[in-house]
Amino acid sequence: MLFGIVITLLSLWYGQNNGLMPVAASAEATDVDSLFQLMLTISFGLTLLVQGVLVIAFFRFRRRPGDNSDGPPIHGNLSLEILWTAIPAFTVLAVGIYSFEIYNSMGGLDPMVSGQHSMAAHARMHGSAIAAPLPGEENSTPQANQIALGIGARPDDMGQTADVVVDVSGIQYAWLFNYADSGVMAGELHVPVGQDVQLNIAAQDVIHAFWLPELRLKQDAIPGMNTELRFTTTKVGTYAIVCAELCGGYHGAMRTQMIVQTPEEYQAWLQENAVAQNPNLEQTLAVKPSELSDPEFLAPYAEEMGVNEELLAQIQTEVLPH
């Protein structure tokens, strides 16, 4: 009993204080960490139990000097075998149920629900076992890109539009982020802290994997298929974005960063980049003051100073050299 108490206390302590995970920077990361801590607690406890029994048996039941007899015949213990089969089975079942609840609370079931197609249609897209349409579905022709996979809205937010929507494209070997509502395209992801963010992920060439370690989220980018990640960040900072799927010779260099900003900083960044990427900006910057006529050059200043056209014409006639 003392041995079991020690193992339990050590396992609980190590499960909560292992320090193996990076900083948690999202609401989803907290859920994932709770599952990880539970699994690590169980695994560490089993390791201590098995290895502890082996060490004790090694010393207690070792062959004594001068003892050349055989060990006692043991034909098995049915109760013990039932016990060590039932405990792992119950543990695996409990962890499986808990992991499903975590997956659902993170929004894992939302993409399939919002896809507005049946599970039978989903099965037909991934194999030929159910190739023929079912009754009532003869006129439905689901396409591969209609199936949304990934992490969507949490159960409480289902049906609600995210605060920020970004289209993500994976290409060899970079990530591109398109803020369609603002017309901004960037090579790094900017999001406001504390707001609901939805990433619509696609691949242009081969399969990539969009991985945010601090958010505990990873989703494949698949050519011809839409995938999704939806999350809420909790800490301002800069976090790595890594491709976690071997996608070619320069796969290791396919990295960028996510910058989590305050809402004010995010809006300022968005406005600055919207101006910088204005398609008419090049034409505006290309104007040379030396090529403007005197009225064209003075017009903006005259308007700010409240000078009318008559006075401006008089200044041009009397003051400016010809």
C-alpha atoms as a PDB file:
ATOM      1  CA  MET A   1       0.000   0.000   0.000  1.00  0.00           C
ATOM      2  CA  LEU A   2       2.848   2.374   0.821  1.00  0.00           C
ATOM      3  CA  PHE A   3       4.461   1.576  -2.534  1.00  0.00           C
ATOM      4  CA  GLY A   4       1.181   2.412  -4.333  1.00  0.00           C
ATOM      5  CA  ILE A   5       0.765   5.704  -2.451  1.00  0.00           C
ATOM      6  CA  VAL A   6       4.300   6.790  -3.351  1.00  0.00           C
ATOM      7  CA  ILE A   7       3.772   5.923  -7.033  1.00  0.00           C
ATOM      8  CA  THR A   8       0.455   7.808  -7.124  1.00  0.00           C
ATOM      9  CA  LEU A   9       1.897  10.963  -5.543  1.00  0.00           C
ATOM     10  CA  LEU A  10       4.976  10.954  -7.781  1.00  0.00           C
ATOM     11  CA  SER A  11       2.833  10.422 -10.880  1.00  0.00           C
ATOM     12  CA  LEU A  12       0.456  13.235 -10.005  1.00  0.00           C
ATOM     13  CA  TRP A  13       3.330  15.615  -9.314  1.00  0.00           C
ATOM     14  CA  TYR A  14       5.203  14.775 -12.499  1.00  0.00           C
ATOM     15  CA  GLY A  15       2.064  14.966 -14.630  1.00  0.00           C
ATOM     16  CA  GLN A  16       1.494  18.553 -13.517  1.00  0.00           C
ATOM     17  CA  ASN A  17       5.138  19.691 -13.390  1.00  0.00           C
ATOM     18  CA  ASN A  18       6.860  17.938 -16.298  1.00  0.00           C
ATOM     19  CA  GLY A  19       7.807  21.086 -18.238  1.00  0.00           C
ATOM     20  CA  LEU A  20       7.753  19.194 -21.539  1.00  0.00           C
ATOM     21  CA  MET A  21       5.306  21.455 -23.385  1.00  0.00           C
ATOM     22  CA  PRO A  22       6.006  24.969 -24.714  1.00  0.00           C
ATOM     23  CA  VAL A  23       4.063  27.955 -23.419  1.00  0.00           C
ATOM     24  CA  ALA A  24       0.302  27.669 -23.912  1.00  0.00           C
ATOM     25  CA  ALA A  25      -0.867  30.638 -25.991  1.00  0.00           C
ATOM     26  CA  SER A  26      -4.472  29.754 -26.807  1.00  0.00           C
ATOM     27  CA  ALA A  27      -7.665  28.560 -25.189  1.00  0.00           C
ATOM     28  CA  GLU A  28      -7.345  25.316 -27.148  1.00  0.00           C
ATOM     29  CA  ALA A  29      -3.845  24.731 -25.765  1.00  0.00           C
ATOM     30  CA  THR A  30      -5.240  24.557 -22.228  1.00  0.00           C
ATOM     31  CA  ASP A  31      -7.601  21.742 -23.226  1.00  0.00           C
ATOM     32  CA  VAL A  32      -4.863  19.802 -25.006  1.00  0.00           C
ATOM     33  CA  ASP A  33      -2.486  20.226 -22.056  1.00  0.00           C
ATOM     34  CA  SER A  34      -5.044  18.801 -19.646  1.00  0.00           C
ATOM     35  CA  LEU A  35      -5.303  15.659 -21.789  1.00  0.00           C
ATOM     36  CA  PHE A  36      -1.527  15.447 -22.123  1.00  0.00           C
ATOM     37  CA  GLN A  37      -1.054  15.781 -18.364  1.00  0.00           C
ATOM     38  CA  LEU A  38      -3.561  13.014 -17.703  1.00  0.00           C
ATOM     39  CA  MET A  39      -1.884  10.650 -20.169  1.00  0.00           C
ATOM     40  CA  LEU A  40       1.564  11.483 -18.815  1.00  0.00           C
ATOM     41  CA  THR A  41       0.395  10.889 -15.230  1.00  0.00           C
ATOM     42  CA  ILE A  42      -0.939   7.449 -16.132  1.00  0.00           C
ATOM     43  CA  SER A  43       2.134   6.556 -18.215  1.00  0.00           C
ATOM     44  CA  PHE A  44       4.584   7.667 -15.540  1.00  0.00           C
ATOM     45  CA  GLY A  45       2.679   5.752 -12.868  1.00  0.00           C
ATOM     46  CA  LEU A  46       2.688   2.559 -14.953  1.00  0.00           C
ATOM     47  CA  THR A  47       6.407   2.984 -15.642  1.00  0.00           C
ATOM     48  CA  LEU A  48       7.180   3.323 -11.949  1.00  0.00           C
ATOM     49  CA  LEU A  49       4.971   0.348 -11.121  1.00  0.00           C
ATOM     50  CA  VAL A  50       6.429  -2.014 -13.723  1.00  0.00           C
ATOM     51  CA  GLN A  51      10.036  -0.987 -13.224  1.00  0.00           C
ATOM     52  CA  GLY A  52       9.612  -0.960  -9.451  1.00  0.00           C
ATOM     53  CA  VAL A  53       8.272  -4.517  -9.456  1.00  0.00           C
ATOM     54  CA  LEU A  54      11.177  -5.604 -11.670  1.00  0.00           C
ATOM     55  CA  VAL A  55      13.764  -4.036  -9.373  1.00  0.00           C
ATOM     56  CA  ILE A  56      12.169  -5.543  -6.245  1.00  0.00           C
ATOM     57  CA  ALA A  57      11.925  -8.972  -7.896  1.00  0.00           C
ATOM     58  CA  PHE A  58      15.534  -8.723  -9.057  1.00  0.00           C
ATOM     59  CA  PHE A  59      16.809  -8.451  -5.508  1.00  0.00           C
ATOM     60  CA  ARG A  60      14.221 -10.410  -3.558  1.00  0.00           C
ATOM     61  CA  PHE A  61      13.960 -13.472  -5.780  1.00  0.00           C
ATOM     62  CA  ARG A  62      17.512 -13.715  -7.041  1.00  0.00           C
ATOM     63  CA  ARG A  63      19.268 -17.084  -6.797  1.00  0.00           C
ATOM     64  CA  ARG A  64      21.133 -17.469  -3.532  1.00  0.00           C
ATOM     65  CA  PRO A  65      24.711 -18.760  -3.420  1.00  0.00           C
ATOM     66  CA  GLY A  66      24.765 -22.564  -3.433  1.00  0.00           C
ATOM     67  CA  ASP A  67      21.104 -22.861  -4.458  1.00  0.00           C
ATOM     68  CA  ASN A  68      20.979 -24.973  -7.649  1.00  0.00           C
ATOM     69  CA  SER A  69      17.323 -26.009  -7.380  1.00  0.00           C
ATOM     70  CA  ASP A  70      14.604 -25.084  -9.819  1.00  0.00           C
ATOM     71  CA  GLY A  71      12.130 -22.363  -9.047  1.00  0.00           C
ATOM     72  CA  PRO A  72       8.647 -23.256  -7.803  1.00  0.00           C
ATOM     73  CA  PRO A  73       6.228 -24.252 -10.613  1.00  0.00           C
ATOM     74  CA  ILE A  74       3.657 -21.514 -11.271  1.00  0.00           C
ATOM     75  CA  HIS A  75       0.707 -22.378 -13.516  1.00  0.00           C
ATOM     76  CA  GLY A  76      -0.873 -18.904 -13.571  1.00  0.00           C
ATOM     77  CA  ASN A  77      -3.340 -16.884 -11.580  1.00  0.00           C
ATOM     78  CA  LEU A  78      -6.693 -16.267 -13.264  1.00  0.00           C
ATOM     79  CA  SER A  79      -7.689 -13.443 -10.925  1.00  0.00           C
ATOM     80  CA  LEU A  80      -4.407 -11.634 -11.517  1.00  0.00           C
ATOM     81  CA  GLU A  81      -4.699 -12.008 -15.273  1.00  0.00           C
ATOM     82  CA  ILE A  82      -8.245 -10.629 -15.246  1.00  0.00           C
ATOM     83  CA  LEU A  83      -7.060  -7.713 -13.122  1.00  0.00           C
ATOM     84  CA  TRP A  84      -4.137  -6.706 -15.312  1.00  0.00           C
ATOM     85  CA  THR A  85      -6.325  -6.999 -18.420  1.00  0.00           C
ATOM     86  CA  ALA A  86      -9.290  -5.079 -17.011  1.00  0.00           C
ATOM     87  CA  ILE A  87      -7.297  -2.148 -15.628  1.00  0.00           C
ATOM     88  CA  PRO A  88      -5.566  -1.248 -18.940  1.00  0.00           C
ATOM     89  CA  ALA A  89      -8.815  -1.773 -20.871  1.00  0.00           C
ATOM     90  CA  PHE A  90     -10.713   0.571 -18.545  1.00  0.00           C
ATOM     91  CA  THR A  91      -7.873   3.112 -18.649  1.00  0.00           C
ATOM     92  CA  VAL A  92      -7.736   3.166 -22.460  1.00  0.00           C
ATOM     93  CA  LEU A  93     -11.523   3.489 -22.668  1.00  0.00           C
ATOM     94  CA  ALA A  94     -11.598   6.367 -20.169  1.00  0.00           C
ATOM     95  CA  VAL A  95      -8.786   8.233 -21.922  1.00  0.00           C
ATOM     96  CA  GLY A  96     -10.512   7.696 -25.281  1.00  0.00           C
ATOM     97  CA  ILE A  97     -13.787   9.158 -24.027  1.00  0.00           C
ATOM     98  CA  TYR A  98     -11.993  12.101 -22.425  1.00  0.00           C
ATOM     99  CA  SER A  99      -9.977  12.796 -25.594  1.00  0.00           C
ATOM    100  CA  PHE A 100     -13.207  12.834 -27.644  1.00  0.00           C
ATOM    101  CA  GLU A 101     -14.688  15.365 -25.237  1.00  0.00           C
ATOM    102  CA  ILE A 102     -11.568  17.537 -25.580  1.00  0.00           C
ATOM    103  CA  TYR A 103     -11.739  17.264 -29.380  1.00  0.00           C
ATOM    104  CA  ASN A 104     -15.382  18.283 -29.368  1.00  0.00           C
ATOM    105  CA  SER A 105     -14.845  21.175 -26.948  1.00  0.00           C
ATOM    106  CA  MET A 106     -12.086  22.520 -29.227  1.00  0.00           C
ATOM    107  CA  GLY A 107     -14.450  22.514 -32.205  1.00  0.00           C
ATOM    108  CA  GLY A 108     -13.317  19.326 -33.897  1.00  0.00           C
ATOM    109  CA  LEU A 109     -16.862  18.312 -34.890  1.00  0.00           C
ATOM    110  CA  ASP A 110     -17.874  21.713 -36.263  1.00  0.00           C
ATOM    111  CA  PRO A 111     -16.359  21.444 -39.789  1.00  0.00           C
ATOM    112  CA  MET A 112     -18.234  18.198 -40.485  1.00  0.00           C
ATOM    113  CA  VAL A 113     -21.490  19.626 -39.104  1.00  0.00           C
ATOM    114  CA  SER A 114     -21.233  22.881 -41.072  1.00  0.00           C
ATOM    115  CA  GLY A 115     -20.255  21.064 -44.275  1.00  0.00           C
ATOM    116  CA  GLN A 116     -23.950  20.240 -44.891  1.00  0.00           C
ATOM    117  CA  HIS A 117     -23.337  16.777 -46.276  1.00  0.00           C
ATOM    118  CA  SER A 118     -23.960  13.308 -44.987  1.00  0.00           C
ATOM    119  CA  MET A 119     -21.441  10.913 -43.521  1.00  0.00           C
ATOM    120  CA  ALA A 120     -22.258   8.578 -46.409  1.00  0.00           C
ATOM    121  CA  ALA A 121     -21.135  11.258 -48.857  1.00  0.00           C
ATOM    122  CA  HIS A 122     -17.961  11.695 -46.843  1.00  0.00           C
ATOM    123  CA  ALA A 123     -17.323   7.955 -47.014  1.00  0.00           C
ATOM    124  CA  ARG A 124     -17.739   7.924 -50.786  1.00  0.00           C
ATOM    125  CA  MET A 125     -15.092  10.629 -51.124  1.00  0.00           C
ATOM    126  CA  HIS A 126     -12.482   8.447 -49.411  1.00  0.00           C
ATOM    127  CA  GLY A 127     -13.094   5.051 -50.959  1.00  0.00           C
ATOM    128  CA  SER A 128     -15.178   2.939 -53.247  1.00  0.00           C
ATOM    129  CA  ALA A 129     -16.929   0.836 -50.634  1.00  0.00           C
ATOM    130  CA  ILE A 130     -20.036   3.054 -50.854  1.00  0.00           C
ATOM    131  CA  ALA A 131     -19.696   4.291 -54.416  1.00  0.00           C
ATOM    132  CA  ALA A 132     -23.367   4.253 -55.373  1.00  0.00           C
ATOM    133  CA  PRO A 133     -25.679   7.058 -54.165  1.00  0.00           C
ATOM    134  CA  LEU A 134     -28.093   6.196 -51.418  1.00  0.00           C
ATOM    135  CA  PRO A 135     -31.866   6.679 -51.827  1.00  0.00           C
ATOM    136  CA  GLY A 136     -32.691  10.354 -51.788  1.00  0.00           C
ATOM    137  CA  GLU A 137     -29.151  11.359 -52.722  1.00  0.00           C
ATOM    138  CA  GLU A 138     -29.224  10.602 -56.440  1.00  0.00           C
ATOM    139  CA  ASN A 139     -29.025  14.256 -57.397  1.00  0.00           C
ATOM    140  CA  SER A 140     -26.216  15.123 -54.995  1.00  0.00           C
ATOM    141  CA  THR A 141     -22.732  15.217 -56.437  1.00  0.00           C
ATOM    142  CA  PRO A 142     -20.414  16.139 -53.558  1.00  0.00           C
ATOM    143  CA  GLN A 143     -17.014  17.472 -54.525  1.00  0.00           C
ATOM    144  CA  ALA A 144     -13.826  16.921 -52.615  1.00  0.00           C
ATOM    145  CA  ASN A 145     -13.389  20.599 -51.817  1.00  0.00           C
ATOM    146  CA  GLN A 146     -16.836  20.697 -50.150  1.00  0.00           C
ATOM    147  CA  ILE A 147     -15.580  18.620 -47.253  1.00  0.00           C
ATOM    148  CA  ALA A 148     -14.158  20.757 -44.470  1.00  0.00           C
ATOM    149  CA  LEU A 149     -11.710  19.167 -42.074  1.00  0.00           C
ATOM    150  CA  GLY A 150      -9.909  20.524 -39.040  1.00  0.00           C
ATOM    151  CA  ILE A 151     -10.803  22.446 -35.896  1.00  0.00           C
ATOM    152  CA  GLY A 152     -13.816  24.742 -36.184  1.00  0.00           C
ATOM    153  CA  ALA A 153     -15.978  26.704 -33.784  1.00  0.00           C
ATOM    154  CA  ARG A 154     -16.444  25.592 -30.202  1.00  0.00           C
ATOM    155  CA  PRO A 155     -19.920  24.214 -29.371  1.00  0.00           C
ATOM    156  CA  ASP A 156     -21.002  27.542 -27.861  1.00  0.00           C
ATOM    157  CA  ASP A 157     -19.887  29.444 -31.000  1.00  0.00           C
ATOM    158  CA  MET A 158     -21.289  27.162 -33.708  1.00  0.00           C
ATOM    159  CA  GLY A 159     -22.994  29.111 -36.475  1.00  0.00           C
ATOM    160  CA  GLN A 160     -21.185  32.346 -35.588  1.00  0.00           C
ATOM    161  CA  THR A 161     -18.705  34.043 -37.908  1.00  0.00           C
ATOM    162  CA  ALA A 162     -15.166  34.391 -36.601  1.00  0.00           C
ATOM    163  CA  ASP A 163     -13.844  37.866 -35.743  1.00  0.00           C
ATOM    164  CA  VAL A 164     -10.885  37.451 -38.110  1.00  0.00           C
ATOM    165  CA  VAL A 165     -10.821  35.244 -41.221  1.00  0.00           C
ATOM    166  CA  VAL A 166      -7.545  34.568 -43.037  1.00  0.00           C
ATOM    167  CA  ASP A 167      -6.972  32.446 -46.132  1.00  0.00           C
ATOM    168  CA  VAL A 168      -3.743  30.445 -45.838  1.00  0.00           C
ATOM    169  CA  SER A 169      -1.938  29.008 -48.859  1.00  0.00           C
ATOM    170  CA  GLY A 170       0.898  26.522 -48.553  1.00  0.00           C
ATOM    171  CA  ILE A 171       3.381  26.398 -51.426  1.00  0.00           C
ATOM    172  CA  GLN A 172       6.872  24.980 -51.741  1.00  0.00           C
ATOM    173  CA  TYR A 173       8.307  26.391 -49.523  1.00  0.00           C
ATOM    174  CA  ALA A 174       6.364  29.222 -47.876  1.00  0.00           C
ATOM    175  CA  TRP A 175       3.100  30.174 -46.225  1.00  0.00           C
ATOM    176  CA  LEU A 176       1.025  33.033 -47.671  1.00  0.00           C
ATOM    177  CA  PHE A 177      -1.694  34.775 -45.653  1.00  0.00           C
ATOM    178  CA  ASN A 178      -4.504  36.622 -47.410  1.00  0.00           C
ATOM    179  CA  TYR A 179      -6.744  38.980 -45.426  1.00  0.00           C
ATOM    180  CA  ALA A 180      -9.462  39.076 -48.073  1.00  0.00           C
ATOM    181  CA  ASP A 181     -11.678  41.641 -46.312  1.00  0.00           C
ATOM    182  CA  SER A 182      -8.788  44.124 -46.142  1.00  0.00           C
ATOM    183  CA  GLY A 183      -6.934  43.232 -49.321  1.00  0.00           C
ATOM    184  CA  VAL A 184      -3.737  42.501 -47.400  1.00  0.00           C
ATOM    185  CA  MET A 185      -1.337  39.719 -48.364  1.00  0.00           C
ATOM    186  CA  ALA A 186       1.510  38.852 -45.992  1.00  0.00           C
ATOM    187  CA  GLY A 187       4.195  36.273 -45.413  1.00  0.00           C
ATOM    188  CA  GLU A 188       3.556  36.159 -41.666  1.00  0.00           C
ATOM    189  CA  LEU A 189       0.362  35.761 -39.705  1.00  0.00           C
ATOM    190  CA  HIS A 190      -0.899  38.677 -37.592  1.00  0.00           C
ATOM    191  CA  VAL A 191      -3.873  38.139 -35.267  1.00  0.00           C
ATOM    192  CA  PRO A 192      -5.429  40.119 -32.393  1.00  0.00           C
ATOM    193  CA  VAL A 193      -5.240  38.619 -28.932  1.00  0.00           C
ATOM    194  CA  GLY A 194      -8.487  37.414 -27.393  1.00  0.00           C
ATOM    195  CA  GLN A 195     -10.429  37.335 -30.656  1.00  0.00           C
ATOM    196  CA  ASP A 196     -11.826  34.377 -32.568  1.00  0.00           C
ATOM    197  CA  VAL A 197      -9.601  33.620 -35.596  1.00  0.00           C
ATOM    198  CA  GLN A 198     -10.430  31.282 -38.474  1.00  0.00           C
ATOM    199  CA  LEU A 199      -7.785  30.053 -40.916  1.00  0.00           C
ATOM    200  CA  ASN A 200      -8.980  28.583 -44.220  1.00  0.00           C
ATOM    201  CA  ILE A 201      -6.043  26.426 -45.287  1.00  0.00           C
ATOM    202  CA  ALA A 202      -5.222  25.111 -48.765  1.00  0.00           C
ATOM    203  CA  ALA A 203      -2.178  23.782 -50.614  1.00  0.00           C
ATOM    204  CA  GLN A 204      -1.155  24.767 -54.124  1.00  0.00           C
ATOM    205  CA  ASP A 205       1.164  21.868 -54.926  1.00  0.00           C
ATOM    206  CA  VAL A 206       1.745  19.057 -52.409  1.00  0.00           C
ATOM    207  CA  ILE A 207       0.528  18.202 -48.927  1.00  0.00           C
ATOM    208  CA  HIS A 208       1.841  20.504 -46.195  1.00  0.00           C
ATOM    209  CA  ALA A 209       1.037  20.619 -42.478  1.00  0.00           C
ATOM    210  CA  PHE A 210       0.307  23.909 -40.719  1.00  0.00           C
ATOM    211  CA  TRP A 211       1.641  23.548 -37.163  1.00  0.00           C
ATOM    212  CA  LEU A 212       1.418  26.045 -34.298  1.00  0.00           C
ATOM    213  CA  PRO A 213       3.216  24.391 -31.344  1.00  0.00           C
ATOM    214  CA  GLU A 214       2.255  27.035 -28.767  1.00  0.00           C
ATOM    215  CA  LEU A 215      -1.388  26.725 -29.788  1.00  0.00           C
ATOM    216  CA  ARG A 216      -1.261  22.889 -29.800  1.00  0.00           C
ATOM    217  CA  LEU A 217      -2.848  22.920 -33.253  1.00  0.00           C
ATOM    218  CA  LYS A 218      -1.757  21.191 -36.445  1.00  0.00           C
ATOM    219  CA  GLN A 219      -3.699  20.708 -39.656  1.00  0.00           C
ATOM    220  CA  ASP A 220      -2.785  19.317 -43.066  1.00  0.00           C
ATOM    221  CA  ALA A 221      -2.980  21.605 -46.097  1.00  0.00           C
ATOM    222  CA  ILE A 222      -4.274  19.323 -48.875  1.00  0.00           C
ATOM    223  CA  PRO A 223      -4.399  20.163 -52.593  1.00  0.00           C
ATOM    224  CA  GLY A 224      -7.992  20.320 -53.801  1.00  0.00           C
ATOM    225  CA  MET A 225      -9.508  20.165 -50.307  1.00  0.00           C
ATOM    226  CA  ASN A 226     -10.379  22.847 -47.758  1.00  0.00           C
ATOM    227  CA  THR A 227      -9.142  22.504 -44.196  1.00  0.00           C
ATOM    228  CA  GLU A 228      -9.763  24.803 -41.274  1.00  0.00           C
ATOM    229  CA  LEU A 229      -8.287  25.921 -37.978  1.00  0.00           C
ATOM    230  CA  ARG A 230     -10.216  28.135 -35.572  1.00  0.00           C
ATOM    231  CA  PHE A 231      -8.736  29.374 -32.325  1.00  0.00           C
ATOM    232  CA  THR A 232      -8.529  32.176 -29.784  1.00  0.00           C
ATOM    233  CA  THR A 233      -5.107  33.363 -28.661  1.00  0.00           C
ATOM    234  CA  THR A 234      -4.542  34.347 -25.033  1.00  0.00           C
ATOM    235  CA  LYS A 235      -1.034  35.845 -24.960  1.00  0.00           C
ATOM    236  CA  VAL A 236       0.620  38.633 -26.929  1.00  0.00           C
ATOM    237  CA  GLY A 237       3.884  37.476 -28.506  1.00  0.00           C
ATOM    238  CA  THR A 238       5.602  35.935 -31.512  1.00  0.00           C
ATOM    239  CA  TYR A 239       5.165  32.218 -32.133  1.00  0.00           C
ATOM    240  CA  ALA A 240       6.569  29.809 -34.707  1.00  0.00           C
ATOM    241  CA  ILE A 241       4.626  28.413 -37.652  1.00  0.00           C
ATOM    242  CA  VAL A 242       6.178  25.195 -38.945  1.00  0.00           C
ATOM    243  CA  CYS A 243       5.427  22.848 -41.817  1.00  0.00           C
ATOM    244  CA  ALA A 244       5.212  19.427 -40.169  1.00  0.00           C
ATOM    245  CA  GLU A 245       4.780  17.376 -43.350  1.00  0.00           C
ATOM    246  CA  LEU A 246       7.742  16.395 -45.533  1.00  0.00           C
ATOM    247  CA  CYS A 247       7.012  18.423 -48.674  1.00  0.00           C
ATOM    248  CA  GLY A 248      10.300  18.486 -50.568  1.00  0.00           C
ATOM    249  CA  GLY A 249      13.982  19.231 -50.410  1.00  0.00           C
ATOM    250  CA  TYR A 250      13.598  22.540 -48.559  1.00  0.00           C
ATOM    251  CA  HIS A 251      10.866  21.350 -46.191  1.00  0.00           C
ATOM    252  CA  GLY A 252      12.957  22.310 -43.158  1.00  0.00           C
ATOM    253  CA  ALA A 253      13.033  25.947 -44.278  1.00  0.00           C
ATOM    254  CA  MET A 254       9.252  26.244 -44.606  1.00  0.00           C
ATOM    255  CA  ARG A 255       8.806  28.287 -41.465  1.00  0.00           C
ATOM    256  CA  THR A 256       7.324  31.648 -40.616  1.00  0.00           C
ATOM    257  CA  GLN A 257       5.799  33.237 -37.525  1.00  0.00           C
ATOM    258  CA  MET A 258       2.509  34.258 -35.986  1.00  0.00           C
ATOM    259  CA  ILE A 259       2.514  37.657 -34.297  1.00  0.00           C
ATOM    260  CA  VAL A 260      -0.210  38.072 -31.681  1.00  0.00           C
ATOM    261  CA  GLN A 261      -0.919  41.753 -31.065  1.00  0.00           C
ATOM    262  CA  THR A 262      -3.315  43.856 -29.060  1.00  0.00           C
ATOM    263  CA  PRO A 263      -6.457  44.760 -31.044  1.00  0.00           C
ATOM    264  CA  GLU A 264      -5.154  48.316 -31.464  1.00  0.00           C
ATOM    265  CA  GLU A 265      -1.773  47.164 -32.765  1.00  0.00           C
ATOM    266  CA  TYR A 266      -3.447  44.686 -35.091  1.00  0.00           C
ATOM    267  CA  GLN A 267      -5.726  47.332 -36.619  1.00  0.00           C
ATOM    268  CA  ALA A 268      -2.756  49.668 -37.084  1.00  0.00           C
ATOM    269  CA  TRP A 269      -0.794  46.913 -38.846  1.00  0.00           C
ATOM    270  CA  LEU A 270      -3.779  46.096 -41.037  1.00  0.00           C
ATOM    271  CA  GLN A 271      -4.262  49.732 -42.073  1.00  0.00           C
ATOM    272  CA  GLU A 272      -0.564  50.269 -42.789  1.00  0.00           C
ATOM    273  CA  ASN A 273      -0.392  47.202 -45.019  1.00  0.00           C
ATOM    274  CA  ALA A 274      -3.685  48.025 -46.736  1.00  0.00           C
ATOM    275  CA  VAL A 275      -2.213  51.405 -47.743  1.00  0.00           C
ATOM    276  CA  ALA A 276       1.134  49.888 -48.721  1.00  0.00           C
ATOM    277  CA  GLN A 277      -0.568  47.308 -50.952  1.00  0.00           C
ATOM    278  CA  ASN A 278      -2.949  49.813 -52.573  1.00  0.00           C
ATOM    279  CA  PRO A 279      -2.791  49.167 -56.341  1.00  0.00           C
ATOM    280  CA  ASN A 280      -2.837  52.948 -57.014  1.00  0.00           C
ATOM    281  CA  LEU A 281       0.083  53.631 -54.701  1.00  0.00           C
ATOM    282  CA  GLU A 282       2.682  53.052 -57.402  1.00  0.00           C
ATOM    283  CA  GLN A 283       1.081  55.674 -59.608  1.00  0.00           C
ATOM    284  CA  THR A 284       0.948  58.124 -56.718  1.00  0.00           C
ATOM    285  CA  LEU A 285       4.594  57.653 -55.769  1.00  0.00           C
ATOM    286  CA  ALA A 286       5.726  57.927 -59.385  1.00  0.00           C
ATOM    287  CA  VAL A 287       4.659  61.581 -59.667  1.00  0.00           C
ATOM    288  CA  LYS A 288       7.690  63.919 -59.753  1.00  0.00           C
ATOM    289  CA  PRO A 289       7.127  67.460 -58.460  1.00  0.00           C
ATOM    290  CA  SER A 290       9.534  68.819 -61.095  1.00  0.00           C
ATOM    291  CA  GLU A 291       7.210  67.553 -63.825  1.00  0.00           C
ATOM    292  CA  LEU A 292       4.122  69.328 -62.409  1.00  0.00           C
ATOM    293  CA  SER A 293       2.929  72.700 -63.597  1.00  0.00           C
ATOM    294  CA  ASP A 294       2.774  75.527 -61.081  1.00  0.00           C
ATOM    295  CA  PRO A 295      -1.017  75.257 -60.585  1.00  0.00           C
ATOM    296  CA  GLU A 296      -0.778  71.487 -60.125  1.00  0.00           C
ATOM    297  CA  PHE A 297       2.063  71.815 -57.642  1.00  0.00           C
ATOM    298  CA  LEU A 298       0.349  74.532 -55.561  1.00  0.00           C
ATOM    299  CA  ALA A 299      -3.171  73.133 -55.672  1.00  0.00           C
ATOM    300  CA  PRO A 300      -2.897  70.813 -52.598  1.00  0.00           C
ATOM    301  CA  TYR A 301      -1.255  73.524 -50.477  1.00  0.00           C
ATOM    302  CA  ALA A 302      -3.768  76.150 -51.575  1.00  0.00           C
ATOM    303  CA  GLU A 303      -6.642  73.887 -50.621  1.00  0.00           C
ATOM    304  CA  GLU A 304      -5.230  73.293 -47.137  1.00  0.00           C
ATOM    305  CA  MET A 305      -4.639  77.045 -46.617  1.00  0.00           C
ATOM    306  CA  GLY A 306      -8.074  78.032 -47.915  1.00  0.00           C
ATOM    307  CA  VAL A 307      -6.688  80.014 -50.852  1.00  0.00           C
ATOM    308  CA  ASN A 308      -9.209  80.399 -53.683  1.00  0.00           C
ATOM    309  CA  GLU A 309      -8.432  80.070 -57.378  1.00  0.00           C
ATOM    310  CA  GLU A 310      -8.475  83.820 -58.041  1.00  0.00           C
ATOM    311  CA  LEU A 311      -5.826  84.543 -55.424  1.00  0.00           C
ATOM    312  CA  LEU A 312      -3.747  81.608 -56.612  1.00  0.00           C
ATOM    313  CA  ALA A 313      -3.885  82.931 -60.202  1.00  0.00           C
ATOM    314  CA  GLN A 314      -2.812  86.375 -59.004  1.00  0.00           C
ATOM    315  CA  ILE A 315       0.146  84.892 -57.099  1.00  0.00           C
ATOM    316  CA  GLN A 316       1.180  82.981 -60.196  1.00  0.00           C
ATOM    317  CA  THR A 317       1.045  86.140 -62.327  1.00  0.00           C
ATOM    318  CA  GLU A 318       2.767  88.582 -59.960  1.00  0.00           C
ATOM    319  CA  VAL A 319       5.187  86.483 -57.950  1.00  0.00           C
ATOM    320  CA  LEU A 320       6.237  83.326 -59.759  1.00  0.00           C
ATOM    321  CA  PRO A 321       8.858  83.696 -62.497  1.00  0.00           C
ATOM    322  CA  HIS A 322       7.988  82.557 -65.991  1.00  0.00           C
END
